Amino acid sequence: MREVKLQAHSNTTGSVASKVIDAVCSRTGTSATDLPPLYETIDTDALNELFADRHTSGRVTFDYAGHVVTVRGDQTVEVSARTEHR
């Protein structure tokens, strides 16, 4: 199993939920309209509220669109895909 990571830096503007979508789109090379609604995976209002202050400590990790997404307190979004080799 190989792990591939992509990070979206915290200096981009917009909500944390938007940053998650942008990071997954960048990782997968797909359009946001081709992804499942993020709100079906995680409460986006709660996610945005939790990380509204860039000085929040901690992180949240969840599965979305076949990837593992981690959001850190500084609003950095990390997208990891796990691929299996046969």
PDB file of N, CA and C in Angstrom:
ATOM      1  N   MET A   1       0.849  -1.176   0.000  1.00  0.00           N
ATOM      2  CA  MET A   1       0.000   0.000   0.000  1.00  0.00           C
ATOM      3  C   MET A   1       0.895   1.240   0.000  1.00  0.00           C
ATOM      4  N   ARG A   2       0.585   2.156  -0.892  1.00  0.00           N
ATOM      5  CA  ARG A   2       1.375   3.384  -1.005  1.00  0.00           C
ATOM      6  C   ARG A   2       0.481   4.570  -0.670  1.00  0.00           C
ATOM      7  N   GLU A   3       1.014   5.514   0.045  1.00  0.00           N
ATOM      8  CA  GLU A   3       0.243   6.695   0.407  1.00  0.00           C
ATOM      9  C   GLU A   3       0.765   7.887  -0.380  1.00  0.00           C
ATOM     10  N   VAL A   4      -0.133   8.625  -1.001  1.00  0.00           N
ATOM     11  CA  VAL A   4       0.206   9.822  -1.755  1.00  0.00           C
ATOM     12  C   VAL A   4      -0.470  10.992  -1.076  1.00  0.00           C
ATOM     13  N   LYS A   5       0.264  12.072  -0.858  1.00  0.00           N
ATOM     14  CA  LYS A   5      -0.303  13.206  -0.135  1.00  0.00           C
ATOM     15  C   LYS A   5      -0.242  14.472  -0.961  1.00  0.00           C
ATOM     16  N   LEU A   6      -1.224  15.334  -0.763  1.00  0.00           N
ATOM     17  CA  LEU A   6      -1.252  16.666  -1.358  1.00  0.00           C
ATOM     18  C   LEU A   6      -1.687  17.615  -0.257  1.00  0.00           C
ATOM     19  N   GLN A   7      -1.007  18.724  -0.123  1.00  0.00           N
ATOM     20  CA  GLN A   7      -1.388  19.711   0.875  1.00  0.00           C
ATOM     21  C   GLN A   7      -1.842  20.991   0.211  1.00  0.00           C
ATOM     22  N   ALA A   8      -2.921  21.544   0.736  1.00  0.00           N
ATOM     23  CA  ALA A   8      -3.375  22.880   0.335  1.00  0.00           C
ATOM     24  C   ALA A   8      -2.983  23.806   1.475  1.00  0.00           C
ATOM     25  N   HIS A   9      -2.246  24.824   1.178  1.00  0.00           N
ATOM     26  CA  HIS A   9      -1.755  25.704   2.236  1.00  0.00           C
ATOM     27  C   HIS A   9      -2.854  26.613   2.750  1.00  0.00           C
ATOM     28  N   SER A  10      -2.668  27.067   3.946  1.00  0.00           N
ATOM     29  CA  SER A  10      -3.688  27.840   4.646  1.00  0.00           C
ATOM     30  C   SER A  10      -3.828  29.267   4.141  1.00  0.00           C
ATOM     31  N   ASN A  11      -2.976  29.706   3.224  1.00  0.00           N
ATOM     32  CA  ASN A  11      -3.063  31.101   2.791  1.00  0.00           C
ATOM     33  C   ASN A  11      -4.124  31.323   1.715  1.00  0.00           C
ATOM     34  N   THR A  12      -4.813  30.275   1.287  1.00  0.00           N
ATOM     35  CA  THR A  12      -5.899  30.448   0.330  1.00  0.00           C
ATOM     36  C   THR A  12      -7.127  30.966   1.062  1.00  0.00           C
ATOM     37  N   THR A  13      -7.974  31.675   0.333  1.00  0.00           N
ATOM     38  CA  THR A  13      -9.163  32.248   0.955  1.00  0.00           C
ATOM     39  C   THR A  13     -10.343  31.305   0.804  1.00  0.00           C
ATOM     40  N   GLY A  14     -11.395  31.584   1.562  1.00  0.00           N
ATOM     41  CA  GLY A  14     -12.604  30.772   1.491  1.00  0.00           C
ATOM     42  C   GLY A  14     -12.784  29.943   2.740  1.00  0.00           C
ATOM     43  N   SER A  15     -13.910  29.268   2.783  1.00  0.00           N
ATOM     44  CA  SER A  15     -14.218  28.443   3.949  1.00  0.00           C
ATOM     45  C   SER A  15     -13.339  27.194   3.963  1.00  0.00           C
ATOM     46  N   VAL A  16     -13.257  26.582   5.117  1.00  0.00           N
ATOM     47  CA  VAL A  16     -12.492  25.341   5.241  1.00  0.00           C
ATOM     48  C   VAL A  16     -13.111  24.269   4.351  1.00  0.00           C
ATOM     49  N   ALA A  17     -14.428  24.204   4.300  1.00  0.00           N
ATOM     50  CA  ALA A  17     -15.097  23.223   3.442  1.00  0.00           C
ATOM     51  C   ALA A  17     -14.715  23.435   1.979  1.00  0.00           C
ATOM     52  N   SER A  18     -14.630  24.678   1.541  1.00  0.00           N
ATOM     53  CA  SER A  18     -14.210  24.979   0.169  1.00  0.00           C
ATOM     54  C   SER A  18     -12.771  24.546  -0.070  1.00  0.00           C
ATOM     55  N   LYS A  19     -11.923  24.717   0.928  1.00  0.00           N
ATOM     56  CA  LYS A  19     -10.531  24.292   0.810  1.00  0.00           C
ATOM     57  C   LYS A  19     -10.431  22.780   0.678  1.00  0.00           C
ATOM     58  N   VAL A  20     -11.302  22.060   1.390  1.00  0.00           N
ATOM     59  CA  VAL A  20     -11.318  20.601   1.272  1.00  0.00           C
ATOM     60  C   VAL A  20     -11.680  20.205  -0.153  1.00  0.00           C
ATOM     61  N   ILE A  21     -12.736  20.792  -0.687  1.00  0.00           N
ATOM     62  CA  ILE A  21     -13.162  20.490  -2.055  1.00  0.00           C
ATOM     63  C   ILE A  21     -12.041  20.814  -3.039  1.00  0.00           C
ATOM     64  N   ASP A  22     -11.435  21.982  -2.908  1.00  0.00           N
ATOM     65  CA  ASP A  22     -10.351  22.386  -3.801  1.00  0.00           C
ATOM     66  C   ASP A  22      -9.177  21.402  -3.740  1.00  0.00           C
ATOM     67  N   ALA A  23      -8.824  20.975  -2.533  1.00  0.00           N
ATOM     68  CA  ALA A  23      -7.695  20.063  -2.369  1.00  0.00           C
ATOM     69  C   ALA A  23      -7.999  18.696  -2.980  1.00  0.00           C
ATOM     70  N   VAL A  24      -9.208  18.201  -2.782  1.00  0.00           N
ATOM     71  CA  VAL A  24      -9.565  16.900  -3.357  1.00  0.00           C
ATOM     72  C   VAL A  24      -9.627  17.006  -4.884  1.00  0.00           C
ATOM     73  N   CYS A  25     -10.156  18.092  -5.397  1.00  0.00           N
ATOM     74  CA  CYS A  25     -10.177  18.301  -6.855  1.00  0.00           C
ATOM     75  C   CYS A  25      -8.760  18.329  -7.416  1.00  0.00           C
ATOM     76  N   SER A  26      -7.856  19.007  -6.741  1.00  0.00           N
ATOM     77  CA  SER A  26      -6.462  19.067  -7.185  1.00  0.00           C
ATOM     78  C   SER A  26      -5.823  17.683  -7.161  1.00  0.00           C
ATOM     79  N   ARG A  27      -6.120  16.936  -6.118  1.00  0.00           N
ATOM     80  CA  ARG A  27      -5.538  15.593  -5.967  1.00  0.00           C
ATOM     81  C   ARG A  27      -6.065  14.627  -7.020  1.00  0.00           C
ATOM     82  N   THR A  28      -7.363  14.708  -7.308  1.00  0.00           N
ATOM     83  CA  THR A  28      -7.987  13.740  -8.200  1.00  0.00           C
ATOM     84  C   THR A  28      -8.050  14.201  -9.646  1.00  0.00           C
ATOM     85  N   GLY A  29      -7.859  15.496  -9.869  1.00  0.00           N
ATOM     86  CA  GLY A  29      -7.970  16.021 -11.214  1.00  0.00           C
ATOM     87  C   GLY A  29      -9.408  16.067 -11.721  1.00  0.00           C
ATOM     88  N   THR A  30     -10.349  16.129 -10.796  1.00  0.00           N
ATOM     89  CA  THR A  30     -11.761  16.173 -11.176  1.00  0.00           C
ATOM     90  C   THR A  30     -12.369  17.518 -10.832  1.00  0.00           C
ATOM     91  N   SER A  31     -13.547  17.743 -11.354  1.00  0.00           N
ATOM     92  CA  SER A  31     -14.305  18.952 -11.065  1.00  0.00           C
ATOM     93  C   SER A  31     -15.072  18.763  -9.755  1.00  0.00           C
ATOM     94  N   ALA A  32     -15.336  19.859  -9.078  1.00  0.00           N
ATOM     95  CA  ALA A  32     -16.116  19.794  -7.837  1.00  0.00           C
ATOM     96  C   ALA A  32     -17.497  19.190  -8.082  1.00  0.00           C
ATOM     97  N   THR A  33     -18.045  19.387  -9.264  1.00  0.00           N
ATOM     98  CA  THR A  33     -19.378  18.844  -9.571  1.00  0.00           C
ATOM     99  C   THR A  33     -19.354  17.329  -9.736  1.00  0.00           C
ATOM    100  N   ASP A  34     -18.163  16.754  -9.919  1.00  0.00           N
ATOM    101  CA  ASP A  34     -18.040  15.302 -10.038  1.00  0.00           C
ATOM    102  C   ASP A  34     -17.841  14.614  -8.693  1.00  0.00           C
ATOM    103  N   LEU A  35     -17.644  15.385  -7.643  1.00  0.00           N
ATOM    104  CA  LEU A  35     -17.461  14.830  -6.300  1.00  0.00           C
ATOM    105  C   LEU A  35     -18.805  14.702  -5.598  1.00  0.00           C
ATOM    106  N   PRO A  36     -18.915  13.757  -4.666  1.00  0.00           N
ATOM    107  CA  PRO A  36     -20.142  13.692  -3.871  1.00  0.00           C
ATOM    108  C   PRO A  36     -20.230  14.924  -2.976  1.00  0.00           C
ATOM    109  N   PRO A  37     -21.439  15.318  -2.583  1.00  0.00           N
ATOM    110  CA  PRO A  37     -21.567  16.481  -1.690  1.00  0.00           C
ATOM    111  C   PRO A  37     -20.791  16.251  -0.386  1.00  0.00           C
ATOM    112  N   LEU A  38     -19.974  17.212  -0.027  1.00  0.00           N
ATOM    113  CA  LEU A  38     -19.176  17.085   1.193  1.00  0.00           C
ATOM    114  C   LEU A  38     -20.070  16.971   2.427  1.00  0.00           C
ATOM    115  N   TYR A  39     -21.221  17.640   2.416  1.00  0.00           N
ATOM    116  CA  TYR A  39     -22.112  17.624   3.577  1.00  0.00           C
ATOM    117  C   TYR A  39     -22.698  16.239   3.856  1.00  0.00           C
ATOM    118  N   GLU A  40     -22.589  15.315   2.888  1.00  0.00           N
ATOM    119  CA  GLU A  40     -23.030  13.950   3.144  1.00  0.00           C
ATOM    120  C   GLU A  40     -21.992  13.154   3.926  1.00  0.00           C
ATOM    121  N   THR A  41     -20.790  13.693   4.027  1.00  0.00           N
ATOM    122  CA  THR A  41     -19.696  13.035   4.733  1.00  0.00           C
ATOM    123  C   THR A  41     -19.432  13.655   6.098  1.00  0.00           C
ATOM    124  N   ILE A  42     -19.501  14.979   6.154  1.00  0.00           N
ATOM    125  CA  ILE A  42     -19.177  15.694   7.390  1.00  0.00           C
ATOM    126  C   ILE A  42     -20.056  16.936   7.473  1.00  0.00           C
ATOM    127  N   ASP A  43     -20.354  17.353   8.683  1.00  0.00           N
ATOM    128  CA  ASP A  43     -21.140  18.572   8.888  1.00  0.00           C
ATOM    129  C   ASP A  43     -20.259  19.760   8.515  1.00  0.00           C
ATOM    130  N   THR A  44     -20.493  20.338   7.336  1.00  0.00           N
ATOM    131  CA  THR A  44     -19.626  21.411   6.844  1.00  0.00           C
ATOM    132  C   THR A  44     -19.727  22.681   7.678  1.00  0.00           C
ATOM    133  N   ASP A  45     -20.911  22.958   8.227  1.00  0.00           N
ATOM    134  CA  ASP A  45     -21.034  24.135   9.095  1.00  0.00           C
ATOM    135  C   ASP A  45     -20.172  23.968  10.338  1.00  0.00           C
ATOM    136  N   ALA A  46     -20.189  22.770  10.919  1.00  0.00           N
ATOM    137  CA  ALA A  46     -19.373  22.505  12.104  1.00  0.00           C
ATOM    138  C   ALA A  46     -17.883  22.558  11.763  1.00  0.00           C
ATOM    139  N   LEU A  47     -17.520  22.014  10.598  1.00  0.00           N
ATOM    140  CA  LEU A  47     -16.123  22.044  10.170  1.00  0.00           C
ATOM    141  C   LEU A  47     -15.641  23.479  10.013  1.00  0.00           C
ATOM    142  N   ASN A  48     -16.440  24.312   9.348  1.00  0.00           N
ATOM    143  CA  ASN A  48     -16.078  25.720   9.172  1.00  0.00           C
ATOM    144  C   ASN A  48     -15.989  26.447  10.504  1.00  0.00           C
ATOM    145  N   GLU A  49     -16.919  26.173  11.393  1.00  0.00           N
ATOM    146  CA  GLU A  49     -16.937  26.832  12.709  1.00  0.00           C
ATOM    147  C   GLU A  49     -15.743  26.399  13.558  1.00  0.00           C
ATOM    148  N   LEU A  50     -15.444  25.109  13.506  1.00  0.00           N
ATOM    149  CA  LEU A  50     -14.339  24.576  14.306  1.00  0.00           C
ATOM    150  C   LEU A  50     -13.012  25.232  13.943  1.00  0.00           C
ATOM    151  N   PHE A  51     -12.817  25.486  12.650  1.00  0.00           N
ATOM    152  CA  PHE A  51     -11.542  26.043  12.188  1.00  0.00           C
ATOM    153  C   PHE A  51     -11.654  27.493  11.738  1.00  0.00           C
ATOM    154  N   ALA A  52     -12.673  28.209  12.199  1.00  0.00           N
ATOM    155  CA  ALA A  52     -12.847  29.617  11.837  1.00  0.00           C
ATOM    156  C   ALA A  52     -11.673  30.460  12.318  1.00  0.00           C
ATOM    157  N   ASP A  53     -11.140  30.128  13.468  1.00  0.00           N
ATOM    158  CA  ASP A  53      -9.976  30.821  14.013  1.00  0.00           C
ATOM    159  C   ASP A  53      -8.732  30.050  13.599  1.00  0.00           C
ATOM    160  N   ARG A  54      -7.864  30.678  12.840  1.00  0.00           N
ATOM    161  CA  ARG A  54      -6.657  29.998  12.340  1.00  0.00           C
ATOM    162  C   ARG A  54      -5.693  29.609  13.453  1.00  0.00           C
ATOM    163  N   HIS A  55      -5.983  30.009  14.663  1.00  0.00           N
ATOM    164  CA  HIS A  55      -5.108  29.677  15.786  1.00  0.00           C
ATOM    165  C   HIS A  55      -5.640  28.487  16.569  1.00  0.00           C
ATOM    166  N   THR A  56      -6.615  27.799  16.004  1.00  0.00           N
ATOM    167  CA  THR A  56      -7.160  26.603  16.631  1.00  0.00           C
ATOM    168  C   THR A  56      -6.109  25.505  16.608  1.00  0.00           C
ATOM    169  N   SER A  57      -6.009  24.773  17.698  1.00  0.00           N
ATOM    170  CA  SER A  57      -5.090  23.632  17.699  1.00  0.00           C
ATOM    171  C   SER A  57      -5.898  22.369  17.416  1.00  0.00           C
ATOM    172  N   GLY A  58      -5.227  21.364  16.970  1.00  0.00           N
ATOM    173  CA  GLY A  58      -5.885  20.095  16.708  1.00  0.00           C
ATOM    174  C   GLY A  58      -6.086  19.856  15.228  1.00  0.00           C
ATOM    175  N   ARG A  59      -6.787  18.756  14.949  1.00  0.00           N
ATOM    176  CA  ARG A  59      -7.057  18.387  13.571  1.00  0.00           C
ATOM    177  C   ARG A  59      -8.268  17.467  13.511  1.00  0.00           C
ATOM    178  N   VAL A  60      -8.852  17.382  12.333  1.00  0.00           N
ATOM    179  CA  VAL A  60      -9.970  16.492  12.063  1.00  0.00           C
ATOM    180  C   VAL A  60      -9.597  15.674  10.833  1.00  0.00           C
ATOM    181  N   THR A  61      -9.787  14.369  10.910  1.00  0.00           N
ATOM    182  CA  THR A  61      -9.506  13.480   9.795  1.00  0.00           C
ATOM    183  C   THR A  61     -10.763  12.701   9.460  1.00  0.00           C
ATOM    184  N   PHE A  62     -11.069  12.615   8.158  1.00  0.00           N
ATOM    185  CA  PHE A  62     -12.259  11.887   7.719  1.00  0.00           C
ATOM    186  C   PHE A  62     -12.050  11.359   6.311  1.00  0.00           C
ATOM    187  N   ASP A  63     -12.844  10.370   5.938  1.00  0.00           N
ATOM    188  CA  ASP A  63     -12.818   9.813   4.590  1.00  0.00           C
ATOM    189  C   ASP A  63     -13.772  10.594   3.712  1.00  0.00           C
ATOM    190  N   TYR A  64     -13.320  10.881   2.484  1.00  0.00           N
ATOM    191  CA  TYR A  64     -14.170  11.593   1.526  1.00  0.00           C
ATOM    192  C   TYR A  64     -13.741  11.250   0.110  1.00  0.00           C
ATOM    193  N   ALA A  65     -14.665  10.810  -0.679  1.00  0.00           N
ATOM    194  CA  ALA A  65     -14.448  10.532  -2.109  1.00  0.00           C
ATOM    195  C   ALA A  65     -13.262   9.602  -2.340  1.00  0.00           C
ATOM    196  N   GLY A  66     -13.137   8.584  -1.489  1.00  0.00           N
ATOM    197  CA  GLY A  66     -12.062   7.614  -1.646  1.00  0.00           C
ATOM    198  C   GLY A  66     -10.709   8.079  -1.169  1.00  0.00           C
ATOM    199  N   HIS A  67     -10.668   9.166  -0.416  1.00  0.00           N
ATOM    200  CA  HIS A  67      -9.417   9.720   0.097  1.00  0.00           C
ATOM    201  C   HIS A  67      -9.547   9.975   1.597  1.00  0.00           C
ATOM    202  N   VAL A  68      -8.421  10.110   2.244  1.00  0.00           N
ATOM    203  CA  VAL A  68      -8.386  10.502   3.651  1.00  0.00           C
ATOM    204  C   VAL A  68      -8.025  11.982   3.685  1.00  0.00           C
ATOM    205  N   VAL A  69      -8.877  12.781   4.310  1.00  0.00           N
ATOM    206  CA  VAL A  69      -8.692  14.229   4.382  1.00  0.00           C
ATOM    207  C   VAL A  69      -8.384  14.604   5.824  1.00  0.00           C
ATOM    208  N   THR A  70      -7.346  15.393   6.023  1.00  0.00           N
ATOM    209  CA  THR A  70      -7.013  15.917   7.346  1.00  0.00           C
ATOM    210  C   THR A  70      -7.001  17.432   7.270  1.00  0.00           C
ATOM    211  N   VAL A  71      -7.749  18.065   8.163  1.00  0.00           N
ATOM    212  CA  VAL A  71      -7.764  19.522   8.281  1.00  0.00           C
ATOM    213  C   VAL A  71      -7.090  19.862   9.602  1.00  0.00           C
ATOM    214  N   ARG A  72      -6.109  20.728   9.546  1.00  0.00           N
ATOM    215  CA  ARG A  72      -5.358  21.134  10.745  1.00  0.00           C
ATOM    216  C   ARG A  72      -5.834  22.511  11.222  1.00  0.00           C
ATOM    217  N   GLY A  73      -5.459  22.843  12.425  1.00  0.00           N
ATOM    218  CA  GLY A  73      -5.881  24.087  13.050  1.00  0.00           C
ATOM    219  C   GLY A  73      -5.547  25.342  12.274  1.00  0.00           C
ATOM    220  N   ASP A  74      -4.479  25.308  11.496  1.00  0.00           N
ATOM    221  CA  ASP A  74      -4.115  26.478  10.688  1.00  0.00           C
ATOM    222  C   ASP A  74      -4.823  26.476   9.332  1.00  0.00           C
ATOM    223  N   GLN A  75      -5.805  25.611   9.175  1.00  0.00           N
ATOM    224  CA  GLN A  75      -6.622  25.443   7.969  1.00  0.00           C
ATOM    225  C   GLN A  75      -5.869  24.779   6.820  1.00  0.00           C
ATOM    226  N   THR A  76      -4.742  24.160   7.110  1.00  0.00           N
ATOM    227  CA  THR A  76      -4.060  23.365   6.102  1.00  0.00           C
ATOM    228  C   THR A  76      -4.870  22.096   5.870  1.00  0.00           C
ATOM    229  N   VAL A  77      -5.065  21.735   4.605  1.00  0.00           N
ATOM    230  CA  VAL A  77      -5.818  20.540   4.237  1.00  0.00           C
ATOM    231  C   VAL A  77      -4.860  19.558   3.577  1.00  0.00           C
ATOM    232  N   GLU A  78      -4.842  18.341   4.074  1.00  0.00           N
ATOM    233  CA  GLU A  78      -4.003  17.291   3.516  1.00  0.00           C
ATOM    234  C   GLU A  78      -4.910  16.196   2.967  1.00  0.00           C
ATOM    235  N   VAL A  79      -4.665  15.786   1.736  1.00  0.00           N
ATOM    236  CA  VAL A  79      -5.453  14.738   1.093  1.00  0.00           C
ATOM    237  C   VAL A  79      -4.528  13.572   0.794  1.00  0.00           C
ATOM    238  N   SER A  80      -4.872  12.412   1.296  1.00  0.00           N
ATOM    239  CA  SER A  80      -4.067  11.207   1.083  1.00  0.00           C
ATOM    240  C   SER A  80      -4.898  10.162   0.356  1.00  0.00           C
ATOM    241  N   ALA A  81      -4.318   9.557  -0.649  1.00  0.00           N
ATOM    242  CA  ALA A  81      -4.967   8.448  -1.347  1.00  0.00           C
ATOM    243  C   ALA A  81      -4.147   7.199  -1.095  1.00  0.00           C
ATOM    244  N   ARG A  82      -4.820   6.137  -0.798  1.00  0.00           N
ATOM    245  CA  ARG A  82      -4.126   4.869  -0.604  1.00  0.00           C
ATOM    246  C   ARG A  82      -4.389   3.995  -1.820  1.00  0.00           C
ATOM    247  N   THR A  83      -3.314   3.525  -2.407  1.00  0.00           N
ATOM    248  CA  THR A  83      -3.453   2.655  -3.578  1.00  0.00           C
ATOM    249  C   THR A  83      -2.843   1.302  -3.260  1.00  0.00           C
ATOM    250  N   GLU A  84      -3.464   0.275  -3.749  1.00  0.00           N
ATOM    251  CA  GLU A  84      -2.973  -1.074  -3.529  1.00  0.00           C
ATOM    252  C   GLU A  84      -2.216  -1.540  -4.761  1.00  0.00           C
ATOM    253  N   HIS A  85      -1.102  -2.206  -4.534  1.00  0.00           N
ATOM    254  CA  HIS A  85      -0.311  -2.799  -5.617  1.00  0.00           C
ATOM    255  C   HIS A  85      -0.507  -4.293  -5.579  1.00  0.00           C
ATOM    256  N   ARG A  86      -0.786  -4.861  -6.714  1.00  0.00           N
ATOM    257  CA  ARG A  86      -0.986  -6.327  -6.764  1.00  0.00           C
ATOM    258  C   ARG A  86       0.222  -6.982  -7.336  1.00  0.00           C
TER     259      ARG A  86
END
